[in-house]
Amino acid sequence: MTETVTETRCGFCAIIGAPNAGKSTLVNALAGVKISIVSHKVQTTRSRLRAIVIAGQSQIIFVDTPGIFKPKRTLDEAMVEGAWAGASEADAIVLLTDVRKGLNDEVLAIIDGLKKNGRQAFLALNKIDLVKAETLLDLAQKFNEAFAFRETFMISALNKSGIGKLKDRIAGLMPQGPWLYAEDQIADVPLRFLAAETTREKLYERLHEELPYASTVETETWEERKDGSVRIDQVIYVERDSQKKIVLGKNGQTIKALGQAARLELEKAFERRVHLFLFVKVRENWAKDPERLRMMGLLD
């Protein structure tokens, strides 16, 4: 008897789109576990995060890129450049769009970018549960008149509707070759980075408009303990003393609540006890500091 050998496949798929299209929600849904920050605020994803997904014999590395928008600051420029860099290196590209916003100027600018770079892409119309069916069909036609998409998928990343077909289609496009990661690995980022992103998400959730984009979180130390637990020290950087007071809150109540929320989520994600200690420091113009941007993965 001859044994049938199934060829393995492995490649990269970039998820691109305008801010708040649902890219992080889609990546988390595809991975089956929370990897990227999800927030109602736009531009919460700052770095290119990689989720590793197995589909049959294919290993797909989904790249969650920052939203593509018209940059105003040094940080914005680095985020947009990072998004296009993620797309340029990918074997497949998915343009994700919020159906409620339609074919707006932001999306048209991204389509122009695809044309200039000579790249093909899938179209994923997201949040389909929020509009009528006839609206979807009309919108799909308009998108495909603007750009020759390889295929159009109608999905709800939040409800995980339609994402199975999208994943299977991408899996078949991955080039033949050995897997790059272990079968049980779900992300290509250090745990200390995921820990910092978790705290940053809680910061966004708690402070809303009080601290829009003037903060970042860095994991300074990660100490493995003999009892299996881990001690994590993190610094929340802000740009002004007034922002530091907001993060700390009256009698330290805000930072205490932030730490508790982040710790509970980290313990759930890491399946171990976590001792989390948060500190707040003022660092003016951190968003213009090349060293900070390098640490965030936005500069080489």
C-alpha atoms as a PDB file:
ATOM      1  CA  MET A   1       0.000   0.000   0.000  1.00  0.00           C
ATOM      2  CA  THR A   2       1.219   3.478  -0.811  1.00  0.00           C
ATOM      3  CA  GLU A   3       0.714   6.077   1.848  1.00  0.00           C
ATOM      4  CA  THR A   4      -0.947   9.309   0.719  1.00  0.00           C
ATOM      5  CA  VAL A   5       1.052  12.363   1.730  1.00  0.00           C
ATOM      6  CA  THR A   6      -0.936  15.563   2.014  1.00  0.00           C
ATOM      7  CA  GLU A   7       1.031  18.682   1.224  1.00  0.00           C
ATOM      8  CA  THR A   8       1.039  21.283   3.949  1.00  0.00           C
ATOM      9  CA  ARG A   9       0.525  24.949   3.137  1.00  0.00           C
ATOM     10  CA  CYS A  10       1.613  28.063   4.989  1.00  0.00           C
ATOM     11  CA  GLY A  11       1.337  31.771   4.257  1.00  0.00           C
ATOM     12  CA  PHE A  12       0.312  35.236   5.356  1.00  0.00           C
ATOM     13  CA  CYS A  13      -3.021  37.006   4.970  1.00  0.00           C
ATOM     14  CA  ALA A  14      -3.307  40.725   5.754  1.00  0.00           C
ATOM     15  CA  ILE A  15      -6.601  42.152   6.997  1.00  0.00           C
ATOM     16  CA  ILE A  16      -6.759  45.809   5.926  1.00  0.00           C
ATOM     17  CA  GLY A  17      -9.442  48.465   6.124  1.00  0.00           C
ATOM     18  CA  ALA A  18     -10.441  51.831   7.493  1.00  0.00           C
ATOM     19  CA  PRO A  19     -10.382  52.417  11.276  1.00  0.00           C
ATOM     20  CA  ASN A  20     -13.141  50.645  13.196  1.00  0.00           C
ATOM     21  CA  ALA A  21     -14.099  48.335  10.326  1.00  0.00           C
ATOM     22  CA  GLY A  22     -13.857  45.367  12.707  1.00  0.00           C
ATOM     23  CA  LYS A  23     -10.415  44.014  11.769  1.00  0.00           C
ATOM     24  CA  SER A  24      -9.423  43.052  15.308  1.00  0.00           C
ATOM     25  CA  THR A  25     -12.806  41.411  15.935  1.00  0.00           C
ATOM     26  CA  LEU A  26     -12.380  39.386  12.739  1.00  0.00           C
ATOM     27  CA  VAL A  27      -8.836  38.283  13.608  1.00  0.00           C
ATOM     28  CA  ASN A  28      -9.964  37.231  17.091  1.00  0.00           C
ATOM     29  CA  ALA A  29     -12.912  35.308  15.602  1.00  0.00           C
ATOM     30  CA  LEU A  30     -10.680  33.522  13.079  1.00  0.00           C
ATOM     31  CA  ALA A  31      -8.174  32.636  15.795  1.00  0.00           C
ATOM     32  CA  GLY A  32     -10.892  31.504  18.204  1.00  0.00           C
ATOM     33  CA  VAL A  33      -9.187  33.434  20.992  1.00  0.00           C
ATOM     34  CA  LYS A  34      -8.665  37.091  21.862  1.00  0.00           C
ATOM     35  CA  ILE A  35      -5.391  38.373  20.445  1.00  0.00           C
ATOM     36  CA  SER A  36      -6.101  41.929  19.317  1.00  0.00           C
ATOM     37  CA  ILE A  37      -7.567  44.897  21.181  1.00  0.00           C
ATOM     38  CA  VAL A  38     -11.237  45.460  20.396  1.00  0.00           C
ATOM     39  CA  SER A  39     -12.678  48.895  21.133  1.00  0.00           C
ATOM     40  CA  HIS A  40     -15.381  51.240  19.919  1.00  0.00           C
ATOM     41  CA  LYS A  41     -12.628  53.821  19.531  1.00  0.00           C
ATOM     42  CA  VAL A  42     -10.950  54.087  16.138  1.00  0.00           C
ATOM     43  CA  GLN A  43      -7.239  53.378  15.609  1.00  0.00           C
ATOM     44  CA  THR A  44      -6.865  51.153  18.666  1.00  0.00           C
ATOM     45  CA  THR A  45      -4.664  48.664  16.790  1.00  0.00           C
ATOM     46  CA  ARG A  46      -1.238  50.280  16.511  1.00  0.00           C
ATOM     47  CA  SER A  47       1.071  47.410  15.628  1.00  0.00           C
ATOM     48  CA  ARG A  48       0.874  44.542  13.192  1.00  0.00           C
ATOM     49  CA  LEU A  49      -0.319  41.572  15.247  1.00  0.00           C
ATOM     50  CA  ARG A  50      -0.129  38.039  13.869  1.00  0.00           C
ATOM     51  CA  ALA A  51      -2.702  35.360  14.667  1.00  0.00           C
ATOM     52  CA  ILE A  52      -1.842  31.788  13.693  1.00  0.00           C
ATOM     53  CA  VAL A  53      -4.811  29.771  12.424  1.00  0.00           C
ATOM     54  CA  ILE A  54      -4.962  26.155  11.277  1.00  0.00           C
ATOM     55  CA  ALA A  55      -7.426  25.285   8.494  1.00  0.00           C
ATOM     56  CA  GLY A  56      -7.038  21.698   7.300  1.00  0.00           C
ATOM     57  CA  GLN A  57      -3.459  21.289   6.120  1.00  0.00           C
ATOM     58  CA  SER A  58      -2.956  25.041   5.893  1.00  0.00           C
ATOM     59  CA  GLN A  59      -1.404  27.286   8.494  1.00  0.00           C
ATOM     60  CA  ILE A  60      -2.549  30.869   7.932  1.00  0.00           C
ATOM     61  CA  ILE A  61      -0.819  33.761   9.642  1.00  0.00           C
ATOM     62  CA  PHE A  62      -3.442  36.506   9.766  1.00  0.00           C
ATOM     63  CA  VAL A  63      -1.933  39.974  10.121  1.00  0.00           C
ATOM     64  CA  ASP A  64      -4.171  42.444  11.959  1.00  0.00           C
ATOM     65  CA  THR A  65      -3.005  45.806  10.626  1.00  0.00           C
ATOM     66  CA  PRO A  66      -3.725  49.293  11.970  1.00  0.00           C
ATOM     67  CA  GLY A  67      -6.593  51.093  10.249  1.00  0.00           C
ATOM     68  CA  ILE A  68      -5.625  53.003   7.122  1.00  0.00           C
ATOM     69  CA  PHE A  69      -6.539  56.676   7.350  1.00  0.00           C
ATOM     70  CA  LYS A  70      -5.135  60.128   6.517  1.00  0.00           C
ATOM     71  CA  PRO A  71      -2.281  60.579   9.011  1.00  0.00           C
ATOM     72  CA  LYS A  72      -1.832  63.769  11.044  1.00  0.00           C
ATOM     73  CA  ARG A  73       0.888  62.811  13.538  1.00  0.00           C
ATOM     74  CA  THR A  74       4.181  60.896  13.505  1.00  0.00           C
ATOM     75  CA  LEU A  75       2.434  57.995  15.225  1.00  0.00           C
ATOM     76  CA  ASP A  76      -0.358  58.077  12.636  1.00  0.00           C
ATOM     77  CA  GLU A  77       2.144  57.982   9.762  1.00  0.00           C
ATOM     78  CA  ALA A  78       3.954  55.014  11.301  1.00  0.00           C
ATOM     79  CA  MET A  79       0.644  53.166  11.799  1.00  0.00           C
ATOM     80  CA  VAL A  80      -0.464  53.664   8.185  1.00  0.00           C
ATOM     81  CA  GLU A  81       2.961  52.685   6.848  1.00  0.00           C
ATOM     82  CA  GLY A  82       2.803  49.597   9.050  1.00  0.00           C
ATOM     83  CA  ALA A  83      -0.582  48.652   7.615  1.00  0.00           C
ATOM     84  CA  TRP A  84       0.620  48.894   4.008  1.00  0.00           C
ATOM     85  CA  ALA A  85       3.833  47.046   4.886  1.00  0.00           C
ATOM     86  CA  GLY A  86       1.728  44.198   6.272  1.00  0.00           C
ATOM     87  CA  ALA A  87      -0.257  44.076   3.039  1.00  0.00           C
ATOM     88  CA  SER A  88       2.790  44.190   0.789  1.00  0.00           C
ATOM     89  CA  GLU A  89       4.326  41.140   2.473  1.00  0.00           C
ATOM     90  CA  ALA A  90       1.143  39.024   2.427  1.00  0.00           C
ATOM     91  CA  ASP A  91       0.193  36.100   0.189  1.00  0.00           C
ATOM     92  CA  ALA A  92      -3.455  37.186   0.385  1.00  0.00           C
ATOM     93  CA  ILE A  93      -5.253  40.400   1.326  1.00  0.00           C
ATOM     94  CA  VAL A  94      -8.742  40.925   2.718  1.00  0.00           C
ATOM     95  CA  LEU A  95     -10.266  44.391   2.555  1.00  0.00           C
ATOM     96  CA  LEU A  96     -12.734  44.557   5.439  1.00  0.00           C
ATOM     97  CA  THR A  97     -15.378  47.257   5.437  1.00  0.00           C
ATOM     98  CA  ASP A  98     -18.272  48.309   7.663  1.00  0.00           C
ATOM     99  CA  VAL A  99     -21.382  48.007   5.480  1.00  0.00           C
ATOM    100  CA  ARG A 100     -23.055  50.901   7.294  1.00  0.00           C
ATOM    101  CA  LYS A 101     -20.386  53.303   6.006  1.00  0.00           C
ATOM    102  CA  GLY A 102     -20.581  52.124   2.410  1.00  0.00           C
ATOM    103  CA  LEU A 103     -18.074  53.002  -0.287  1.00  0.00           C
ATOM    104  CA  ASN A 104     -16.805  56.180   1.375  1.00  0.00           C
ATOM    105  CA  ASP A 105     -13.676  58.245   0.747  1.00  0.00           C
ATOM    106  CA  GLU A 106     -11.588  56.261   3.269  1.00  0.00           C
ATOM    107  CA  VAL A 107     -12.336  52.976   1.510  1.00  0.00           C
ATOM    108  CA  LEU A 108     -11.829  54.484  -1.948  1.00  0.00           C
ATOM    109  CA  ALA A 109      -8.387  55.677  -0.844  1.00  0.00           C
ATOM    110  CA  ILE A 110      -7.502  52.131   0.236  1.00  0.00           C
ATOM    111  CA  ILE A 111      -8.742  50.756  -3.093  1.00  0.00           C
ATOM    112  CA  ASP A 112      -6.501  53.297  -4.859  1.00  0.00           C
ATOM    113  CA  GLY A 113      -3.606  51.973  -2.766  1.00  0.00           C
ATOM    114  CA  LEU A 114      -4.340  48.407  -3.884  1.00  0.00           C
ATOM    115  CA  LYS A 115      -4.417  49.537  -7.519  1.00  0.00           C
ATOM    116  CA  LYS A 116      -1.128  51.443  -7.218  1.00  0.00           C
ATOM    117  CA  ASN A 117       0.560  48.418  -5.636  1.00  0.00           C
ATOM    118  CA  GLY A 118      -0.935  46.036  -8.204  1.00  0.00           C
ATOM    119  CA  ARG A 119      -2.392  43.808  -5.494  1.00  0.00           C
ATOM    120  CA  GLN A 120      -5.432  41.537  -5.628  1.00  0.00           C
ATOM    121  CA  ALA A 121      -7.767  41.349  -2.650  1.00  0.00           C
ATOM    122  CA  PHE A 122     -10.861  39.704  -1.251  1.00  0.00           C
ATOM    123  CA  LEU A 123     -13.728  41.893  -0.118  1.00  0.00           C
ATOM    124  CA  ALA A 124     -15.389  41.170   3.225  1.00  0.00           C
ATOM    125  CA  LEU A 125     -18.521  43.202   3.913  1.00  0.00           C
ATOM    126  CA  ASN A 126     -18.737  43.243   7.696  1.00  0.00           C
ATOM    127  CA  LYS A 127     -21.633  43.834  10.147  1.00  0.00           C
ATOM    128  CA  ILE A 128     -24.212  42.475   7.665  1.00  0.00           C
ATOM    129  CA  ASP A 129     -26.663  41.854  10.507  1.00  0.00           C
ATOM    130  CA  LEU A 130     -27.109  45.610  10.842  1.00  0.00           C
ATOM    131  CA  VAL A 131     -28.469  46.356   7.339  1.00  0.00           C
ATOM    132  CA  LYS A 132     -31.134  45.004   4.985  1.00  0.00           C
ATOM    133  CA  ALA A 133     -30.326  42.277   2.436  1.00  0.00           C
ATOM    134  CA  GLU A 134     -31.132  44.439  -0.602  1.00  0.00           C
ATOM    135  CA  THR A 135     -28.710  47.085   0.686  1.00  0.00           C
ATOM    136  CA  LEU A 136     -25.961  44.458   0.829  1.00  0.00           C
ATOM    137  CA  LEU A 137     -26.439  43.339  -2.769  1.00  0.00           C
ATOM    138  CA  ASP A 138     -26.382  46.917  -4.032  1.00  0.00           C
ATOM    139  CA  LEU A 139     -23.282  47.693  -1.980  1.00  0.00           C
ATOM    140  CA  ALA A 140     -21.447  44.579  -3.182  1.00  0.00           C
ATOM    141  CA  GLN A 141     -22.107  45.618  -6.781  1.00  0.00           C
ATOM    142  CA  LYS A 142     -20.761  49.141  -6.181  1.00  0.00           C
ATOM    143  CA  PHE A 143     -17.589  47.803  -4.543  1.00  0.00           C
ATOM    144  CA  ASN A 144     -16.906  45.401  -7.392  1.00  0.00           C
ATOM    145  CA  GLU A 145     -17.439  48.152  -9.945  1.00  0.00           C
ATOM    146  CA  ALA A 146     -14.785  50.203  -8.132  1.00  0.00           C
ATOM    147  CA  PHE A 147     -12.288  47.313  -7.947  1.00  0.00           C
ATOM    148  CA  ALA A 148     -12.032  43.789  -9.364  1.00  0.00           C
ATOM    149  CA  PHE A 149     -12.086  41.840  -6.094  1.00  0.00           C
ATOM    150  CA  ARG A 150     -11.158  38.157  -6.219  1.00  0.00           C
ATOM    151  CA  GLU A 151     -14.344  37.283  -4.347  1.00  0.00           C
ATOM    152  CA  THR A 152     -16.857  38.948  -2.048  1.00  0.00           C
ATOM    153  CA  PHE A 153     -17.826  37.611   1.376  1.00  0.00           C
ATOM    154  CA  MET A 154     -20.662  38.854   3.559  1.00  0.00           C
ATOM    155  CA  ILE A 155     -19.820  38.367   7.208  1.00  0.00           C
ATOM    156  CA  SER A 156     -20.453  39.392  10.777  1.00  0.00           C
ATOM    157  CA  ALA A 157     -17.135  39.171  12.600  1.00  0.00           C
ATOM    158  CA  LEU A 158     -18.858  39.727  15.944  1.00  0.00           C
ATOM    159  CA  ASN A 159     -21.338  36.870  15.430  1.00  0.00           C
ATOM    160  CA  LYS A 160     -18.791  34.760  13.472  1.00  0.00           C
ATOM    161  CA  SER A 161     -21.254  34.484  10.590  1.00  0.00           C
ATOM    162  CA  GLY A 162     -19.660  33.699   7.233  1.00  0.00           C
ATOM    163  CA  ILE A 163     -16.079  33.641   8.494  1.00  0.00           C
ATOM    164  CA  GLY A 164     -15.686  29.879   7.970  1.00  0.00           C
ATOM    165  CA  LYS A 165     -16.064  30.217   4.192  1.00  0.00           C
ATOM    166  CA  LEU A 166     -13.624  33.127   4.153  1.00  0.00           C
ATOM    167  CA  LYS A 167     -11.051  31.162   6.141  1.00  0.00           C
ATOM    168  CA  ASP A 168     -11.356  28.064   3.917  1.00  0.00           C
ATOM    169  CA  ARG A 169     -10.966  30.140   0.745  1.00  0.00           C
ATOM    170  CA  ILE A 170      -7.823  31.796   2.065  1.00  0.00           C
ATOM    171  CA  ALA A 171      -6.433  28.448   3.251  1.00  0.00           C
ATOM    172  CA  GLY A 172      -6.574  27.117  -0.308  1.00  0.00           C
ATOM    173  CA  LEU A 173      -4.516  30.067  -1.549  1.00  0.00           C
ATOM    174  CA  MET A 174      -1.621  29.611   0.835  1.00  0.00           C
ATOM    175  CA  PRO A 175       1.587  28.432  -0.888  1.00  0.00           C
ATOM    176  CA  GLN A 176       2.749  24.867  -0.355  1.00  0.00           C
ATOM    177  CA  GLY A 177       5.416  24.509   2.262  1.00  0.00           C
ATOM    178  CA  PRO A 178       6.104  23.574   5.895  1.00  0.00           C
ATOM    179  CA  TRP A 179       4.318  25.299   8.747  1.00  0.00           C
ATOM    180  CA  LEU A 180       6.282  28.151  10.318  1.00  0.00           C
ATOM    181  CA  TYR A 181       4.877  27.741  13.825  1.00  0.00           C
ATOM    182  CA  ALA A 182       4.058  24.954  16.259  1.00  0.00           C
ATOM    183  CA  GLU A 183       0.528  23.587  15.927  1.00  0.00           C
ATOM    184  CA  ASP A 184      -0.535  24.933  19.336  1.00  0.00           C
ATOM    185  CA  GLN A 185       0.891  28.449  18.884  1.00  0.00           C
ATOM    186  CA  ILE A 186      -1.827  31.075  18.435  1.00  0.00           C
ATOM    187  CA  ALA A 187       0.122  34.326  18.066  1.00  0.00           C
ATOM    188  CA  ASP A 188       3.483  35.619  16.941  1.00  0.00           C
ATOM    189  CA  VAL A 189       3.971  38.215  19.661  1.00  0.00           C
ATOM    190  CA  PRO A 190       5.653  37.931  23.082  1.00  0.00           C
ATOM    191  CA  LEU A 191       3.377  37.371  26.069  1.00  0.00           C
ATOM    192  CA  ARG A 192       4.647  40.600  27.635  1.00  0.00           C
ATOM    193  CA  PHE A 193       3.371  42.483  24.577  1.00  0.00           C
ATOM    194  CA  LEU A 194      -0.055  40.815  24.813  1.00  0.00           C
ATOM    195  CA  ALA A 195      -0.118  41.718  28.505  1.00  0.00           C
ATOM    196  CA  ALA A 196       0.554  45.386  27.703  1.00  0.00           C
ATOM    197  CA  GLU A 197      -2.135  45.387  25.011  1.00  0.00           C
ATOM    198  CA  THR A 198      -4.658  43.956  27.495  1.00  0.00           C
ATOM    199  CA  THR A 199      -3.991  46.772  29.944  1.00  0.00           C
ATOM    200  CA  ARG A 200      -4.181  49.353  27.142  1.00  0.00           C
ATOM    201  CA  GLU A 201      -7.593  48.000  26.173  1.00  0.00           C
ATOM    202  CA  LYS A 202      -8.845  48.425  29.746  1.00  0.00           C
ATOM    203  CA  LEU A 203      -7.448  51.955  29.700  1.00  0.00           C
ATOM    204  CA  TYR A 204      -9.511  52.712  26.583  1.00  0.00           C
ATOM    205  CA  GLU A 205     -12.650  51.147  28.024  1.00  0.00           C
ATOM    206  CA  ARG A 206     -12.412  52.947  31.345  1.00  0.00           C
ATOM    207  CA  LEU A 207     -11.396  56.454  30.293  1.00  0.00           C
ATOM    208  CA  HIS A 208     -13.282  56.889  27.009  1.00  0.00           C
ATOM    209  CA  GLU A 209     -12.799  60.446  25.718  1.00  0.00           C
ATOM    210  CA  GLU A 210     -10.786  61.612  28.719  1.00  0.00           C
ATOM    211  CA  LEU A 211      -7.557  60.077  27.404  1.00  0.00           C
ATOM    212  CA  PRO A 212      -8.055  59.463  23.671  1.00  0.00           C
ATOM    213  CA  TYR A 213      -4.666  58.702  22.097  1.00  0.00           C
ATOM    214  CA  ALA A 214      -2.162  60.199  24.497  1.00  0.00           C
ATOM    215  CA  SER A 215      -1.314  56.975  26.325  1.00  0.00           C
ATOM    216  CA  THR A 216       0.561  53.759  25.786  1.00  0.00           C
ATOM    217  CA  VAL A 217       1.473  50.785  27.974  1.00  0.00           C
ATOM    218  CA  GLU A 218       4.795  48.957  28.245  1.00  0.00           C
ATOM    219  CA  THR A 219       5.601  45.799  30.193  1.00  0.00           C
ATOM    220  CA  GLU A 220       8.818  46.607  32.042  1.00  0.00           C
ATOM    221  CA  THR A 221       9.401  43.363  33.926  1.00  0.00           C
ATOM    222  CA  TRP A 222       8.073  39.807  33.711  1.00  0.00           C
ATOM    223  CA  GLU A 223       9.033  37.582  36.641  1.00  0.00           C
ATOM    224  CA  GLU A 224       8.223  33.871  36.670  1.00  0.00           C
ATOM    225  CA  ARG A 225       7.572  32.648  40.219  1.00  0.00           C
ATOM    226  CA  LYS A 226       8.190  29.230  41.742  1.00  0.00           C
ATOM    227  CA  ASP A 227       4.482  28.702  42.473  1.00  0.00           C
ATOM    228  CA  GLY A 228       3.665  28.988  38.738  1.00  0.00           C
ATOM    229  CA  SER A 229       2.352  32.534  38.963  1.00  0.00           C
ATOM    230  CA  VAL A 230       3.871  35.548  37.214  1.00  0.00           C
ATOM    231  CA  ARG A 231       4.589  39.077  38.402  1.00  0.00           C
ATOM    232  CA  ILE A 232       4.118  41.733  35.707  1.00  0.00           C
ATOM    233  CA  ASP A 233       5.186  45.358  36.155  1.00  0.00           C
ATOM    234  CA  GLN A 234       3.790  47.774  33.587  1.00  0.00           C
ATOM    235  CA  VAL A 235       4.142  51.487  32.972  1.00  0.00           C
ATOM    236  CA  ILE A 236       1.343  53.598  31.513  1.00  0.00           C
ATOM    237  CA  TYR A 237       2.951  56.506  29.671  1.00  0.00           C
ATOM    238  CA  VAL A 238       1.027  59.752  29.193  1.00  0.00           C
ATOM    239  CA  GLU A 239       2.101  63.112  27.758  1.00  0.00           C
ATOM    240  CA  ARG A 240       1.055  65.523  30.539  1.00  0.00           C
ATOM    241  CA  ASP A 241       0.675  65.675  34.320  1.00  0.00           C
ATOM    242  CA  SER A 242      -3.049  66.366  33.931  1.00  0.00           C
ATOM    243  CA  GLN A 243      -3.404  63.043  32.099  1.00  0.00           C
ATOM    244  CA  LYS A 244      -1.493  61.243  34.849  1.00  0.00           C
ATOM    245  CA  LYS A 245      -4.043  62.507  37.369  1.00  0.00           C
ATOM    246  CA  ILE A 246      -6.875  61.158  35.191  1.00  0.00           C
ATOM    247  CA  VAL A 247      -5.291  57.686  35.028  1.00  0.00           C
ATOM    248  CA  LEU A 248      -4.641  57.589  38.764  1.00  0.00           C
ATOM    249  CA  GLY A 249      -8.093  58.880  39.701  1.00  0.00           C
ATOM    250  CA  LYS A 250      -9.179  60.144  43.094  1.00  0.00           C
ATOM    251  CA  ASN A 251      -7.209  58.319  45.811  1.00  0.00           C
ATOM    252  CA  GLY A 252      -5.863  55.972  43.124  1.00  0.00           C
ATOM    253  CA  GLN A 253      -9.285  54.416  42.486  1.00  0.00           C
ATOM    254  CA  THR A 254      -9.085  54.545  38.667  1.00  0.00           C
ATOM    255  CA  ILE A 255      -5.726  52.811  38.314  1.00  0.00           C
ATOM    256  CA  LYS A 256      -6.805  50.255  40.909  1.00  0.00           C
ATOM    257  CA  ALA A 257      -9.893  49.404  38.831  1.00  0.00           C
ATOM    258  CA  LEU A 258      -7.798  49.276  35.655  1.00  0.00           C
ATOM    259  CA  GLY A 259      -5.343  46.895  37.256  1.00  0.00           C
ATOM    260  CA  GLN A 260      -8.054  44.599  38.552  1.00  0.00           C
ATOM    261  CA  ALA A 261      -9.819  44.394  35.174  1.00  0.00           C
ATOM    262  CA  ALA A 262      -6.560  43.752  33.321  1.00  0.00           C
ATOM    263  CA  ARG A 263      -5.396  41.152  35.846  1.00  0.00           C
ATOM    264  CA  LEU A 264      -8.619  39.142  35.599  1.00  0.00           C
ATOM    265  CA  GLU A 265      -8.389  39.024  31.808  1.00  0.00           C
ATOM    266  CA  LEU A 266      -4.686  38.108  31.880  1.00  0.00           C
ATOM    267  CA  GLU A 267      -5.327  35.263  34.314  1.00  0.00           C
ATOM    268  CA  LYS A 268      -8.021  33.954  32.007  1.00  0.00           C
ATOM    269  CA  ALA A 269      -5.779  34.241  28.930  1.00  0.00           C
ATOM    270  CA  PHE A 270      -2.623  32.818  30.522  1.00  0.00           C
ATOM    271  CA  GLU A 271      -4.455  30.255  32.705  1.00  0.00           C
ATOM    272  CA  ARG A 272      -2.342  31.119  35.727  1.00  0.00           C
ATOM    273  CA  ARG A 273      -2.263  33.524  38.644  1.00  0.00           C
ATOM    274  CA  VAL A 274      -1.058  37.008  37.730  1.00  0.00           C
ATOM    275  CA  HIS A 275       0.355  39.675  40.059  1.00  0.00           C
ATOM    276  CA  LEU A 276      -0.031  42.921  38.098  1.00  0.00           C
ATOM    277  CA  PHE A 277       1.513  46.210  39.207  1.00  0.00           C
ATOM    278  CA  LEU A 278       0.755  49.410  37.277  1.00  0.00           C
ATOM    279  CA  PHE A 279       2.685  52.680  37.355  1.00  0.00           C
ATOM    280  CA  VAL A 280       2.017  55.965  35.544  1.00  0.00           C
ATOM    281  CA  LYS A 281       4.778  58.144  34.114  1.00  0.00           C
ATOM    282  CA  VAL A 282       4.777  61.342  32.084  1.00  0.00           C
ATOM    283  CA  ARG A 283       6.797  61.235  28.877  1.00  0.00           C
ATOM    284  CA  GLU A 284       6.170  64.235  26.664  1.00  0.00           C
ATOM    285  CA  ASN A 285       5.826  63.590  22.938  1.00  0.00           C
ATOM    286  CA  TRP A 286       6.281  59.830  23.348  1.00  0.00           C
ATOM    287  CA  ALA A 287       4.276  59.348  20.117  1.00  0.00           C
ATOM    288  CA  LYS A 288       7.078  61.128  18.198  1.00  0.00           C
ATOM    289  CA  ASP A 289       9.896  59.144  19.792  1.00  0.00           C
ATOM    290  CA  PRO A 290      11.440  56.708  17.246  1.00  0.00           C
ATOM    291  CA  GLU A 291      12.525  54.394  20.073  1.00  0.00           C
ATOM    292  CA  ARG A 292       8.935  54.098  21.357  1.00  0.00           C
ATOM    293  CA  LEU A 293       7.621  53.484  17.835  1.00  0.00           C
ATOM    294  CA  ARG A 294      10.280  50.796  17.342  1.00  0.00           C
ATOM    295  CA  MET A 295       9.188  49.068  20.557  1.00  0.00           C
ATOM    296  CA  MET A 296       5.619  49.101  19.255  1.00  0.00           C
ATOM    297  CA  GLY A 297       6.757  47.388  16.047  1.00  0.00           C
ATOM    298  CA  LEU A 298       5.979  50.392  13.870  1.00  0.00           C
ATOM    299  CA  LEU A 299       9.554  51.185  12.852  1.00  0.00           C
ATOM    300  CA  ASP A 300      12.347  48.834  11.809  1.00  0.00           C
END
